[in-house]
Amino acid sequence: MIPRYQKILFVVLLAASLAMGGVLWYLLDRAHQRLLAGEDSAPTRAPQVAPAEQATLLVSNDADGSLIAQVQSLPLPSDAGARARAVLGKLLDLYAAEGSTHPVQGGAGSIAQVFLMPAQTAGPAALPGAPGRPAAAAPSSSGANSPLLAVVDLTSKFAANHPSGIETETLTVLSICGTLHANLPRIAEVRFLVDGQQRATLAGHADLTRTYLTAEAVPVDTPHP
């Protein structure tokens, strides 16, 4: 004979189990409905990709210390800052590739950001190794055709892995400045940061505390895209 209290306890436990099962089913159904709603609201079109355009890269050649213009086809955003970052990323990808004429590790990920702003009114120092000429004062106007200053923010990993030496560091600086000017002619000056901070040199030699003139890094016969 089963005691009465055990019968009552069994009924209570059974009722609790049924209630918990009902609650669990309800929660699972709600989660399923939310999942379906999320799938319905997801975009059906793939994100737009910037169209491919021709870009002129000033590629360093360690064999003779020259800058060689190379025309590459790559996706270029319409925004000037993003465009500058894209062409520099392609340049550093070439340097990181096997058989590079200027081997430097890092690739496109070494460009953290490129900021564009009106060029300084005071004349900047000339690029190292460039033909000497007086630095002209940049116009103070902020019009559509006024010169721009590009601030190139490199990663500390790129600087740490860059080969040390005055020539190889200078070639990297020259090629970055020349590539920016070749593709965005309004960029007249360049300054460098490393992880958002000012750094004395690239890898012990090339001065990163100065402002560079881009036009002096571009060979005279280099076409603009």
N, C-alpha and C. Protein backbone atom coordinates (compact mmCIF):
# COMPACT_ATOMS: atom_id res chain seq x y z
N MET A 1 0.85 -1.18 0.00
CA MET A 1 0.00 0.00 0.00
C MET A 1 0.90 1.25 0.00
N ILE A 2 0.72 2.11 -1.03
CA ILE A 2 1.53 3.33 -1.13
C ILE A 2 0.95 4.38 -0.20
N PRO A 3 1.79 4.95 0.64
CA PRO A 3 1.27 5.99 1.56
C PRO A 3 0.71 7.17 0.79
N ARG A 4 -0.27 7.83 1.42
CA ARG A 4 -0.97 8.95 0.76
C ARG A 4 -0.02 10.09 0.46
N TYR A 5 0.94 10.38 1.35
CA TYR A 5 1.84 11.51 1.13
C TYR A 5 2.74 11.28 -0.08
N GLN A 6 3.10 9.98 -0.33
CA GLN A 6 3.93 9.68 -1.50
C GLN A 6 3.16 9.89 -2.80
N LYS A 7 1.83 9.56 -2.77
CA LYS A 7 1.01 9.80 -3.94
C LYS A 7 0.94 11.30 -4.24
N ILE A 8 0.76 12.09 -3.18
CA ILE A 8 0.67 13.55 -3.36
C ILE A 8 1.99 14.10 -3.91
N LEU A 9 3.10 13.60 -3.34
CA LEU A 9 4.42 14.05 -3.80
C LEU A 9 4.64 13.69 -5.26
N PHE A 10 4.21 12.50 -5.66
CA PHE A 10 4.37 12.08 -7.05
C PHE A 10 3.58 12.96 -7.99
N VAL A 11 2.36 13.30 -7.61
CA VAL A 11 1.51 14.17 -8.44
C VAL A 11 2.14 15.55 -8.57
N VAL A 12 2.66 16.06 -7.45
CA VAL A 12 3.28 17.40 -7.49
C VAL A 12 4.51 17.39 -8.41
N LEU A 13 5.35 16.37 -8.27
CA LEU A 13 6.54 16.28 -9.12
C LEU A 13 6.16 16.14 -10.59
N LEU A 14 5.13 15.35 -10.89
CA LEU A 14 4.69 15.18 -12.26
C LEU A 14 4.19 16.49 -12.85
N ALA A 15 3.42 17.21 -12.04
CA ALA A 15 2.89 18.50 -12.51
C ALA A 15 4.03 19.49 -12.75
N ALA A 16 5.02 19.49 -11.85
CA ALA A 16 6.16 20.39 -12.01
C ALA A 16 6.95 20.05 -13.28
N SER A 17 7.13 18.73 -13.54
CA SER A 17 7.86 18.31 -14.73
C SER A 17 7.14 18.74 -16.00
N LEU A 18 5.81 18.58 -16.00
CA LEU A 18 5.04 19.00 -17.17
C LEU A 18 5.12 20.51 -17.38
N ALA A 19 5.07 21.25 -16.27
CA ALA A 19 5.16 22.71 -16.38
C ALA A 19 6.52 23.14 -16.92
N MET A 20 7.59 22.52 -16.39
CA MET A 20 8.93 22.86 -16.86
C MET A 20 9.10 22.51 -18.34
N GLY A 21 8.51 21.36 -18.75
CA GLY A 21 8.58 20.98 -20.15
C GLY A 21 7.88 21.99 -21.04
N GLY A 22 6.74 22.48 -20.57
CA GLY A 22 6.01 23.49 -21.34
C GLY A 22 6.80 24.79 -21.47
N VAL A 23 7.42 25.21 -20.37
CA VAL A 23 8.22 26.43 -20.41
C VAL A 23 9.41 26.27 -21.35
N LEU A 24 10.07 25.12 -21.29
CA LEU A 24 11.22 24.87 -22.15
C LEU A 24 10.82 24.88 -23.62
N TRP A 25 9.67 24.26 -23.93
CA TRP A 25 9.20 24.25 -25.32
C TRP A 25 8.92 25.67 -25.79
N TYR A 26 8.31 26.50 -24.92
CA TYR A 26 8.00 27.88 -25.26
C TYR A 26 9.28 28.68 -25.55
N LEU A 27 10.30 28.50 -24.70
CA LEU A 27 11.55 29.23 -24.89
C LEU A 27 12.25 28.81 -26.17
N LEU A 28 12.24 27.50 -26.46
CA LEU A 28 12.85 27.01 -27.69
C LEU A 28 12.13 27.56 -28.91
N ASP A 29 10.80 27.63 -28.84
CA ASP A 29 10.03 28.16 -29.98
C ASP A 29 10.35 29.64 -30.20
N ARG A 30 10.47 30.40 -29.12
CA ARG A 30 10.81 31.82 -29.25
C ARG A 30 12.19 32.01 -29.85
N ALA A 31 13.14 31.18 -29.40
CA ALA A 31 14.49 31.28 -29.95
C ALA A 31 14.50 30.97 -31.44
N HIS A 32 13.70 29.98 -31.83
CA HIS A 32 13.63 29.61 -33.25
C HIS A 32 13.03 30.75 -34.07
N GLN A 33 11.99 31.38 -33.54
CA GLN A 33 11.36 32.50 -34.25
C GLN A 33 12.33 33.67 -34.39
N ARG A 34 13.11 33.93 -33.35
CA ARG A 34 14.10 35.02 -33.44
C ARG A 34 15.16 34.71 -34.49
N LEU A 35 15.56 33.44 -34.55
CA LEU A 35 16.56 33.05 -35.55
C LEU A 35 16.03 33.25 -36.96
N LEU A 36 14.78 32.88 -37.18
CA LEU A 36 14.18 33.06 -38.49
C LEU A 36 14.05 34.54 -38.83
N ALA A 37 13.68 35.35 -37.84
CA ALA A 37 13.56 36.79 -38.07
C ALA A 37 14.90 37.41 -38.42
N GLY A 38 15.98 36.92 -37.75
CA GLY A 38 17.32 37.42 -38.05
C GLY A 38 17.74 37.08 -39.46
N GLU A 39 17.40 35.88 -39.93
CA GLU A 39 17.75 35.49 -41.29
C GLU A 39 16.99 36.31 -42.31
N ASP A 40 15.71 36.64 -42.00
CA ASP A 40 14.92 37.43 -42.93
C ASP A 40 15.44 38.84 -43.06
N SER A 41 16.01 39.40 -41.95
CA SER A 41 16.48 40.78 -41.98
C SER A 41 17.89 40.93 -42.47
N ALA A 42 18.61 39.81 -42.72
CA ALA A 42 20.00 39.88 -43.19
C ALA A 42 20.03 40.42 -44.61
N PRO A 43 21.05 41.21 -44.95
CA PRO A 43 21.13 41.75 -46.31
C PRO A 43 21.27 40.63 -47.34
N THR A 44 20.57 40.81 -48.47
CA THR A 44 20.59 39.78 -49.51
C THR A 44 21.62 40.10 -50.58
N ARG A 45 22.14 41.34 -50.58
CA ARG A 45 23.13 41.72 -51.58
C ARG A 45 24.53 41.72 -50.98
N ALA A 46 25.49 41.30 -51.77
CA ALA A 46 26.88 41.32 -51.30
C ALA A 46 27.35 42.76 -51.20
N PRO A 47 28.25 43.06 -50.24
CA PRO A 47 28.77 44.43 -50.13
C PRO A 47 29.49 44.85 -51.39
N GLN A 48 29.34 46.13 -51.71
CA GLN A 48 29.97 46.64 -52.92
C GLN A 48 31.48 46.67 -52.77
N VAL A 49 32.18 46.32 -53.84
CA VAL A 49 33.63 46.34 -53.86
C VAL A 49 34.07 47.49 -54.74
N ALA A 50 35.09 48.22 -54.28
CA ALA A 50 35.59 49.35 -55.06
C ALA A 50 36.06 48.86 -56.42
N PRO A 51 35.75 49.62 -57.49
CA PRO A 51 36.17 49.21 -58.83
C PRO A 51 37.68 49.25 -58.98
N ALA A 52 38.20 48.38 -59.83
CA ALA A 52 39.64 48.34 -60.07
C ALA A 52 40.05 49.52 -60.93
N GLU A 53 41.13 50.17 -60.55
CA GLU A 53 41.68 51.29 -61.31
C GLU A 53 43.19 51.13 -61.41
N GLN A 54 43.78 51.90 -62.29
CA GLN A 54 45.23 51.88 -62.43
C GLN A 54 45.85 52.79 -61.38
N ALA A 55 46.87 52.29 -60.72
CA ALA A 55 47.61 53.06 -59.73
C ALA A 55 49.10 52.99 -60.06
N THR A 56 49.79 54.09 -59.87
CA THR A 56 51.23 54.13 -60.12
C THR A 56 51.97 53.99 -58.80
N LEU A 57 52.79 52.96 -58.68
CA LEU A 57 53.57 52.72 -57.47
C LEU A 57 55.03 53.03 -57.76
N LEU A 58 55.68 53.75 -56.86
CA LEU A 58 57.11 54.03 -56.96
C LEU A 58 57.83 52.97 -56.14
N VAL A 59 58.36 51.96 -56.81
CA VAL A 59 58.92 50.77 -56.16
C VAL A 59 60.44 50.92 -56.04
N SER A 60 60.94 50.73 -54.84
CA SER A 60 62.38 50.85 -54.59
C SER A 60 63.13 49.66 -55.14
N ASN A 61 64.32 49.95 -55.65
CA ASN A 61 65.21 48.90 -56.15
C ASN A 61 66.54 49.03 -55.40
N ASP A 62 66.80 48.05 -54.51
CA ASP A 62 68.02 48.10 -53.71
C ASP A 62 69.29 47.95 -54.54
N ALA A 63 69.19 47.36 -55.72
CA ALA A 63 70.38 47.08 -56.52
C ALA A 63 71.07 48.36 -56.97
N ASP A 64 70.27 49.37 -57.33
CA ASP A 64 70.88 50.63 -57.79
C ASP A 64 70.35 51.85 -57.05
N GLY A 65 69.55 51.64 -56.01
CA GLY A 65 69.04 52.76 -55.21
C GLY A 65 68.06 53.63 -55.95
N SER A 66 67.31 53.05 -56.89
CA SER A 66 66.38 53.84 -57.71
C SER A 66 64.94 53.58 -57.30
N LEU A 67 64.06 54.44 -57.81
CA LEU A 67 62.62 54.24 -57.69
C LEU A 67 62.08 53.96 -59.09
N ILE A 68 61.39 52.84 -59.25
CA ILE A 68 60.88 52.43 -60.55
C ILE A 68 59.35 52.50 -60.52
N ALA A 69 58.78 53.23 -61.48
CA ALA A 69 57.33 53.36 -61.55
C ALA A 69 56.72 52.08 -62.10
N GLN A 70 55.76 51.53 -61.36
CA GLN A 70 55.02 50.36 -61.80
C GLN A 70 53.53 50.69 -61.78
N VAL A 71 52.83 50.38 -62.85
CA VAL A 71 51.39 50.59 -62.92
C VAL A 71 50.69 49.29 -62.54
N GLN A 72 49.84 49.36 -61.53
CA GLN A 72 49.12 48.20 -61.04
C GLN A 72 47.62 48.49 -61.10
N SER A 73 46.83 47.44 -61.32
CA SER A 73 45.37 47.57 -61.28
C SER A 73 44.88 47.01 -59.96
N LEU A 74 44.19 47.83 -59.19
CA LEU A 74 43.70 47.40 -57.88
C LEU A 74 42.46 48.18 -57.50
N PRO A 75 41.63 47.62 -56.61
CA PRO A 75 40.43 48.33 -56.18
C PRO A 75 40.80 49.59 -55.40
N LEU A 76 40.25 50.73 -55.81
CA LEU A 76 40.57 52.00 -55.15
C LEU A 76 39.28 52.67 -54.69
N PRO A 77 39.12 52.87 -53.38
CA PRO A 77 37.93 53.56 -52.87
C PRO A 77 37.89 55.01 -53.35
N SER A 78 36.71 55.61 -53.28
CA SER A 78 36.58 57.01 -53.70
C SER A 78 37.12 57.97 -52.65
N ASP A 79 37.05 57.58 -51.38
CA ASP A 79 37.56 58.43 -50.31
C ASP A 79 39.08 58.56 -50.43
N ALA A 80 39.58 59.80 -50.37
CA ALA A 80 41.01 60.05 -50.60
C ALA A 80 41.89 59.35 -49.58
N GLY A 81 41.50 59.39 -48.30
CA GLY A 81 42.31 58.75 -47.27
C GLY A 81 42.36 57.24 -47.44
N ALA A 82 41.21 56.63 -47.74
CA ALA A 82 41.18 55.19 -47.97
C ALA A 82 41.93 54.83 -49.24
N ARG A 83 41.87 55.71 -50.22
CA ARG A 83 42.60 55.48 -51.48
C ARG A 83 44.10 55.48 -51.23
N ALA A 84 44.57 56.45 -50.43
CA ALA A 84 45.99 56.51 -50.10
C ALA A 84 46.43 55.26 -49.36
N ARG A 85 45.61 54.79 -48.44
CA ARG A 85 45.97 53.58 -47.69
C ARG A 85 46.02 52.37 -48.61
N ALA A 86 45.11 52.31 -49.60
CA ALA A 86 45.08 51.17 -50.51
C ALA A 86 46.34 51.10 -51.37
N VAL A 87 46.78 52.24 -51.92
CA VAL A 87 47.96 52.20 -52.79
C VAL A 87 49.22 51.90 -51.98
N LEU A 88 49.29 52.42 -50.75
CA LEU A 88 50.46 52.10 -49.92
C LEU A 88 50.43 50.64 -49.49
N GLY A 89 49.24 50.11 -49.24
CA GLY A 89 49.15 48.69 -48.89
C GLY A 89 49.65 47.80 -50.02
N LYS A 90 49.31 48.17 -51.25
CA LYS A 90 49.79 47.39 -52.40
C LYS A 90 51.30 47.52 -52.53
N LEU A 91 51.83 48.71 -52.29
CA LEU A 91 53.28 48.92 -52.35
C LEU A 91 54.00 48.02 -51.35
N LEU A 92 53.51 47.98 -50.11
CA LEU A 92 54.17 47.16 -49.09
C LEU A 92 53.95 45.67 -49.33
N ASP A 93 52.85 45.31 -49.99
CA ASP A 93 52.66 43.91 -50.39
C ASP A 93 53.74 43.49 -51.38
N LEU A 94 54.10 44.39 -52.29
CA LEU A 94 55.18 44.07 -53.25
C LEU A 94 56.50 43.88 -52.52
N TYR A 95 56.74 44.71 -51.51
CA TYR A 95 57.99 44.59 -50.76
C TYR A 95 58.05 43.29 -49.97
N ALA A 96 56.89 42.81 -49.51
CA ALA A 96 56.86 41.59 -48.70
C ALA A 96 56.85 40.33 -49.56
N ALA A 97 56.66 40.48 -50.87
CA ALA A 97 56.57 39.31 -51.76
C ALA A 97 57.95 38.71 -52.01
N GLU A 98 57.93 37.43 -52.36
CA GLU A 98 59.18 36.73 -52.67
C GLU A 98 59.82 37.34 -53.92
N GLY A 99 61.13 37.53 -53.88
CA GLY A 99 61.83 38.10 -55.01
C GLY A 99 61.72 39.61 -55.10
N SER A 100 61.31 40.27 -54.03
CA SER A 100 61.15 41.73 -54.04
C SER A 100 62.48 42.42 -54.29
N THR A 101 62.43 43.54 -55.00
CA THR A 101 63.63 44.35 -55.22
C THR A 101 63.98 45.19 -54.00
N HIS A 102 63.09 45.19 -53.00
CA HIS A 102 63.32 45.95 -51.76
C HIS A 102 62.64 45.17 -50.63
N PRO A 103 63.25 44.07 -50.18
CA PRO A 103 62.56 43.18 -49.23
C PRO A 103 62.32 43.84 -47.87
N VAL A 104 61.03 43.97 -47.53
CA VAL A 104 60.62 44.49 -46.22
C VAL A 104 59.39 43.70 -45.79
N GLN A 105 59.42 43.17 -44.58
CA GLN A 105 58.30 42.38 -44.10
C GLN A 105 57.13 43.28 -43.69
N GLY A 106 55.94 42.69 -43.69
CA GLY A 106 54.79 43.39 -43.15
C GLY A 106 53.59 43.43 -44.07
N GLY A 107 53.79 43.86 -45.31
CA GLY A 107 52.68 43.93 -46.25
C GLY A 107 51.69 45.03 -45.92
N ALA A 108 50.49 44.92 -46.50
CA ALA A 108 49.48 45.97 -46.39
C ALA A 108 49.07 46.23 -44.95
N GLY A 109 49.13 45.21 -44.10
CA GLY A 109 48.74 45.39 -42.71
C GLY A 109 49.65 46.32 -41.93
N SER A 110 50.77 46.72 -42.54
CA SER A 110 51.71 47.63 -41.87
C SER A 110 51.24 49.08 -41.90
N ILE A 111 50.22 49.38 -42.73
CA ILE A 111 49.65 50.72 -42.79
C ILE A 111 48.44 50.75 -41.87
N ALA A 112 48.61 51.33 -40.69
CA ALA A 112 47.49 51.39 -39.74
C ALA A 112 46.44 52.37 -40.22
N GLN A 113 46.87 53.53 -40.74
CA GLN A 113 45.92 54.55 -41.18
C GLN A 113 46.67 55.61 -41.96
N VAL A 114 45.94 56.33 -42.82
CA VAL A 114 46.47 57.50 -43.51
C VAL A 114 45.49 58.64 -43.30
N PHE A 115 45.96 59.72 -42.70
CA PHE A 115 45.13 60.89 -42.46
C PHE A 115 45.54 62.00 -43.41
N LEU A 116 44.56 62.72 -43.96
CA LEU A 116 44.83 63.83 -44.85
C LEU A 116 44.32 65.13 -44.23
N MET A 117 45.10 66.19 -44.35
CA MET A 117 44.73 67.50 -43.81
C MET A 117 45.43 68.58 -44.62
N PRO A 118 45.01 69.83 -44.47
CA PRO A 118 45.69 70.90 -45.21
C PRO A 118 47.18 70.92 -44.91
N ALA A 119 47.97 71.18 -45.96
CA ALA A 119 49.42 71.21 -45.81
C ALA A 119 49.84 72.36 -44.91
N GLN A 120 51.02 72.23 -44.30
CA GLN A 120 51.55 73.26 -43.43
C GLN A 120 51.88 74.50 -44.24
N THR A 121 51.83 75.66 -43.58
CA THR A 121 52.14 76.91 -44.26
C THR A 121 53.64 77.14 -44.34
N ALA A 122 54.39 76.56 -43.40
CA ALA A 122 55.84 76.71 -43.41
C ALA A 122 56.45 75.68 -44.34
N GLY A 123 57.54 76.03 -44.99
CA GLY A 123 58.19 75.11 -45.91
C GLY A 123 58.83 73.96 -45.18
N PRO A 124 58.53 72.71 -45.56
CA PRO A 124 59.10 71.54 -44.90
C PRO A 124 60.51 71.24 -45.39
N ALA A 125 61.18 70.39 -44.66
CA ALA A 125 62.53 69.99 -45.04
C ALA A 125 62.47 69.09 -46.26
N ALA A 126 63.54 69.14 -47.06
CA ALA A 126 63.58 68.33 -48.27
C ALA A 126 63.80 66.88 -47.91
N LEU A 127 63.42 66.01 -48.82
CA LEU A 127 63.62 64.57 -48.63
C LEU A 127 65.10 64.24 -48.66
N PRO A 128 65.54 63.30 -47.84
CA PRO A 128 66.94 62.91 -47.87
C PRO A 128 67.28 62.25 -49.19
N GLY A 129 68.40 62.63 -49.77
CA GLY A 129 68.82 62.01 -51.01
C GLY A 129 68.17 62.59 -52.24
N ALA A 130 67.20 63.53 -52.05
CA ALA A 130 66.53 64.12 -53.20
C ALA A 130 67.33 65.31 -53.70
N PRO A 131 67.12 65.72 -54.95
CA PRO A 131 67.84 66.88 -55.47
C PRO A 131 67.57 68.10 -54.61
N GLY A 132 68.59 68.81 -54.25
CA GLY A 132 68.41 69.95 -53.36
C GLY A 132 67.75 71.11 -54.06
N ARG A 133 66.79 71.70 -53.38
CA ARG A 133 66.14 72.90 -53.87
C ARG A 133 65.45 73.55 -52.71
N PRO A 134 65.23 74.87 -52.74
CA PRO A 134 64.60 75.54 -51.62
C PRO A 134 63.19 75.02 -51.41
N ALA A 135 62.80 74.90 -50.15
CA ALA A 135 61.45 74.44 -49.84
C ALA A 135 60.49 75.60 -49.93
N ALA A 136 59.51 75.49 -50.82
CA ALA A 136 58.55 76.57 -50.99
C ALA A 136 57.47 76.48 -49.94
N ALA A 137 56.99 77.63 -49.56
CA ALA A 137 55.92 77.67 -48.57
C ALA A 137 54.63 77.19 -49.20
N ALA A 138 53.90 76.34 -48.48
CA ALA A 138 52.64 75.83 -49.00
C ALA A 138 51.56 76.88 -48.82
N PRO A 139 50.62 76.99 -49.78
CA PRO A 139 49.55 77.96 -49.64
C PRO A 139 48.71 77.66 -48.42
N SER A 140 48.21 78.70 -47.79
CA SER A 140 47.41 78.52 -46.59
C SER A 140 45.95 78.28 -46.92
N SER A 141 45.58 78.38 -48.20
CA SER A 141 44.19 78.16 -48.61
C SER A 141 43.78 76.72 -48.39
N SER A 142 42.51 76.52 -48.08
CA SER A 142 41.99 75.17 -47.88
C SER A 142 41.02 74.80 -48.99
N GLY A 143 41.21 75.37 -50.19
CA GLY A 143 40.32 75.11 -51.31
C GLY A 143 40.48 73.71 -51.84
N ALA A 144 39.67 73.43 -52.91
CA ALA A 144 39.64 72.08 -53.47
C ALA A 144 40.96 71.67 -54.08
N ASN A 145 41.76 72.64 -54.51
CA ASN A 145 43.03 72.31 -55.16
C ASN A 145 44.24 72.63 -54.30
N SER A 146 44.03 72.95 -53.04
CA SER A 146 45.14 73.31 -52.17
C SER A 146 45.93 72.07 -51.76
N PRO A 147 47.22 72.21 -51.46
CA PRO A 147 48.06 71.07 -51.09
C PRO A 147 47.58 70.40 -49.80
N LEU A 148 47.85 69.11 -49.72
CA LEU A 148 47.48 68.33 -48.55
C LEU A 148 48.72 67.76 -47.87
N LEU A 149 48.59 67.56 -46.58
CA LEU A 149 49.58 66.84 -45.78
C LEU A 149 49.01 65.47 -45.47
N ALA A 150 49.77 64.42 -45.77
CA ALA A 150 49.37 63.05 -45.43
C ALA A 150 50.14 62.60 -44.20
N VAL A 151 49.42 62.12 -43.21
CA VAL A 151 50.04 61.54 -42.02
C VAL A 151 49.90 60.03 -42.13
N VAL A 152 51.02 59.36 -42.34
CA VAL A 152 51.03 57.90 -42.52
C VAL A 152 51.38 57.25 -41.19
N ASP A 153 50.43 56.47 -40.67
CA ASP A 153 50.63 55.79 -39.39
C ASP A 153 51.03 54.34 -39.66
N LEU A 154 52.28 54.03 -39.40
CA LEU A 154 52.81 52.67 -39.58
C LEU A 154 52.67 51.87 -38.29
N THR A 155 52.72 50.57 -38.38
CA THR A 155 52.68 49.74 -37.19
C THR A 155 54.08 49.57 -36.60
N SER A 156 54.14 49.36 -35.31
CA SER A 156 55.44 49.17 -34.66
C SER A 156 56.11 47.88 -35.13
N LYS A 157 55.31 46.89 -35.51
CA LYS A 157 55.89 45.64 -36.02
C LYS A 157 56.63 45.88 -37.33
N PHE A 158 56.07 46.74 -38.19
CA PHE A 158 56.74 47.06 -39.45
C PHE A 158 58.08 47.74 -39.18
N ALA A 159 58.07 48.72 -38.28
CA ALA A 159 59.31 49.43 -37.95
C ALA A 159 60.33 48.50 -37.32
N ALA A 160 59.86 47.61 -36.44
CA ALA A 160 60.79 46.70 -35.76
C ALA A 160 61.44 45.71 -36.72
N ASN A 161 60.70 45.31 -37.76
CA ASN A 161 61.22 44.32 -38.70
C ASN A 161 61.90 44.94 -39.92
N HIS A 162 61.89 46.28 -40.02
CA HIS A 162 62.48 46.91 -41.19
C HIS A 162 64.00 46.79 -41.15
N PRO A 163 64.64 46.43 -42.27
CA PRO A 163 66.11 46.35 -42.30
C PRO A 163 66.72 47.71 -41.94
N SER A 164 67.76 47.69 -41.14
CA SER A 164 68.41 48.92 -40.71
C SER A 164 69.47 49.34 -41.71
N GLY A 165 69.53 50.63 -41.98
CA GLY A 165 70.51 51.16 -42.92
C GLY A 165 69.99 52.43 -43.54
N ILE A 166 70.84 53.42 -43.70
CA ILE A 166 70.40 54.71 -44.21
C ILE A 166 69.80 54.59 -45.60
N GLU A 167 70.40 53.77 -46.47
CA GLU A 167 69.89 53.69 -47.84
C GLU A 167 68.56 52.96 -47.92
N THR A 168 68.46 51.80 -47.27
CA THR A 168 67.23 51.03 -47.37
C THR A 168 66.06 51.75 -46.68
N GLU A 169 66.32 52.42 -45.55
CA GLU A 169 65.26 53.16 -44.88
C GLU A 169 64.82 54.36 -45.71
N THR A 170 65.80 55.06 -46.30
CA THR A 170 65.48 56.22 -47.13
C THR A 170 64.67 55.82 -48.35
N LEU A 171 64.99 54.68 -48.95
CA LEU A 171 64.24 54.21 -50.10
C LEU A 171 62.79 53.92 -49.73
N THR A 172 62.57 53.36 -48.55
CA THR A 172 61.19 53.11 -48.11
C THR A 172 60.42 54.41 -47.97
N VAL A 173 61.05 55.40 -47.32
CA VAL A 173 60.40 56.70 -47.13
C VAL A 173 60.13 57.36 -48.48
N LEU A 174 61.13 57.35 -49.37
CA LEU A 174 60.97 57.96 -50.69
C LEU A 174 59.85 57.29 -51.48
N SER A 175 59.79 55.97 -51.44
CA SER A 175 58.79 55.26 -52.23
C SER A 175 57.38 55.52 -51.71
N ILE A 176 57.23 55.63 -50.39
CA ILE A 176 55.91 55.94 -49.82
C ILE A 176 55.49 57.35 -50.24
N CYS A 177 56.39 58.30 -50.09
CA CYS A 177 56.05 59.69 -50.46
C CYS A 177 55.76 59.79 -51.95
N GLY A 178 56.60 59.17 -52.78
CA GLY A 178 56.41 59.24 -54.22
C GLY A 178 55.13 58.57 -54.67
N THR A 179 54.78 57.43 -54.07
CA THR A 179 53.55 56.73 -54.44
C THR A 179 52.32 57.55 -54.07
N LEU A 180 52.35 58.18 -52.91
CA LEU A 180 51.23 59.04 -52.53
C LEU A 180 51.04 60.18 -53.52
N HIS A 181 52.12 60.85 -53.89
CA HIS A 181 52.03 61.99 -54.80
C HIS A 181 51.64 61.55 -56.21
N ALA A 182 52.12 60.39 -56.64
CA ALA A 182 51.81 59.92 -57.98
C ALA A 182 50.34 59.61 -58.16
N ASN A 183 49.66 59.20 -57.10
CA ASN A 183 48.25 58.84 -57.18
C ASN A 183 47.31 59.91 -56.65
N LEU A 184 47.80 60.73 -55.76
CA LEU A 184 47.02 61.85 -55.23
C LEU A 184 47.90 63.09 -55.29
N PRO A 185 47.97 63.74 -56.45
CA PRO A 185 48.92 64.84 -56.66
C PRO A 185 48.78 66.00 -55.67
N ARG A 186 47.62 66.12 -55.03
CA ARG A 186 47.45 67.20 -54.05
C ARG A 186 48.28 66.96 -52.78
N ILE A 187 48.69 65.71 -52.55
CA ILE A 187 49.51 65.42 -51.37
C ILE A 187 50.91 65.97 -51.63
N ALA A 188 51.24 67.05 -50.95
CA ALA A 188 52.52 67.72 -51.14
C ALA A 188 53.51 67.41 -50.02
N GLU A 189 53.00 66.98 -48.88
CA GLU A 189 53.85 66.75 -47.72
C GLU A 189 53.43 65.47 -47.02
N VAL A 190 54.38 64.83 -46.35
CA VAL A 190 54.10 63.59 -45.62
C VAL A 190 54.80 63.63 -44.27
N ARG A 191 54.07 63.20 -43.25
CA ARG A 191 54.67 62.96 -41.94
C ARG A 191 54.37 61.51 -41.55
N PHE A 192 55.22 60.98 -40.67
CA PHE A 192 55.09 59.58 -40.28
C PHE A 192 54.86 59.44 -38.78
N LEU A 193 54.00 58.50 -38.42
CA LEU A 193 53.80 58.08 -37.04
C LEU A 193 54.00 56.57 -36.99
N VAL A 194 54.24 56.07 -35.80
CA VAL A 194 54.33 54.62 -35.58
C VAL A 194 53.41 54.29 -34.41
N ASP A 195 52.39 53.51 -34.69
CA ASP A 195 51.34 53.21 -33.69
C ASP A 195 50.76 54.48 -33.10
N GLY A 196 50.58 55.49 -33.95
CA GLY A 196 49.95 56.73 -33.52
C GLY A 196 50.85 57.67 -32.74
N GLN A 197 52.13 57.32 -32.60
CA GLN A 197 53.07 58.14 -31.83
C GLN A 197 54.24 58.55 -32.71
N GLN A 198 54.82 59.70 -32.38
CA GLN A 198 56.01 60.13 -33.11
C GLN A 198 57.19 59.23 -32.74
N ARG A 199 57.99 58.92 -33.74
CA ARG A 199 59.15 58.04 -33.54
C ARG A 199 60.36 58.73 -34.15
N ALA A 200 61.51 58.58 -33.53
CA ALA A 200 62.70 59.30 -33.99
C ALA A 200 63.14 58.85 -35.37
N THR A 201 63.25 57.55 -35.59
CA THR A 201 63.71 57.01 -36.88
C THR A 201 62.88 55.81 -37.26
N LEU A 202 63.01 55.40 -38.52
CA LEU A 202 62.31 54.20 -38.97
C LEU A 202 62.94 52.95 -38.38
N ALA A 203 64.26 52.78 -38.60
CA ALA A 203 64.97 51.62 -38.04
C ALA A 203 66.38 52.02 -37.63
N GLY A 204 66.51 53.26 -37.14
CA GLY A 204 67.80 53.73 -36.66
C GLY A 204 68.43 54.82 -37.50
N HIS A 205 67.86 55.13 -38.69
CA HIS A 205 68.51 56.09 -39.57
C HIS A 205 67.54 57.12 -40.16
N ALA A 206 66.56 56.69 -40.95
CA ALA A 206 65.65 57.63 -41.61
C ALA A 206 64.85 58.42 -40.58
N ASP A 207 64.94 59.74 -40.64
CA ASP A 207 64.31 60.63 -39.67
C ASP A 207 62.79 60.65 -39.87
N LEU A 208 62.04 60.28 -38.85
CA LEU A 208 60.58 60.30 -38.91
C LEU A 208 59.99 61.48 -38.16
N THR A 209 60.83 62.40 -37.70
CA THR A 209 60.32 63.57 -36.97
C THR A 209 60.10 64.75 -37.91
N ARG A 210 60.51 64.64 -39.15
CA ARG A 210 60.44 65.76 -40.09
C ARG A 210 59.25 65.62 -41.03
N THR A 211 58.97 66.68 -41.74
CA THR A 211 57.95 66.68 -42.79
C THR A 211 58.66 66.56 -44.13
N TYR A 212 58.16 65.68 -45.01
CA TYR A 212 58.81 65.41 -46.28
C TYR A 212 58.02 66.00 -47.45
N LEU A 213 58.74 66.48 -48.45
CA LEU A 213 58.14 66.95 -49.70
C LEU A 213 57.97 65.76 -50.64
N THR A 214 56.73 65.51 -51.09
CA THR A 214 56.49 64.34 -51.94
C THR A 214 57.01 64.54 -53.36
N ALA A 215 56.93 65.73 -53.89
CA ALA A 215 57.29 65.95 -55.29
C ALA A 215 58.74 65.58 -55.56
N GLU A 216 59.60 65.71 -54.55
CA GLU A 216 61.01 65.42 -54.75
C GLU A 216 61.31 63.93 -54.79
N ALA A 217 60.30 63.10 -54.49
CA ALA A 217 60.50 61.66 -54.54
C ALA A 217 59.99 61.06 -55.84
N VAL A 218 59.35 61.87 -56.69
CA VAL A 218 58.75 61.37 -57.91
C VAL A 218 59.65 61.64 -59.10
N PRO A 219 60.07 60.62 -59.84
CA PRO A 219 60.84 60.85 -61.06
C PRO A 219 60.08 61.77 -62.02
N VAL A 220 60.79 62.58 -62.75
CA VAL A 220 60.17 63.58 -63.62
C VAL A 220 59.23 62.94 -64.63
N ASP A 221 59.57 61.76 -65.13
CA ASP A 221 58.78 61.14 -66.20
C ASP A 221 57.71 60.21 -65.68
N THR A 222 57.42 60.25 -64.38
CA THR A 222 56.41 59.35 -63.82
C THR A 222 55.02 59.86 -64.16
N PRO A 223 54.21 59.07 -64.88
CA PRO A 223 52.84 59.52 -65.21
C PRO A 223 51.92 59.38 -64.03
N HIS A 224 50.96 60.29 -63.92
CA HIS A 224 49.90 60.14 -62.91
C HIS A 224 48.79 59.30 -63.50
N PRO A 225 48.16 58.44 -62.67
CA PRO A 225 47.09 57.59 -63.20
C PRO A 225 45.86 58.42 -63.56
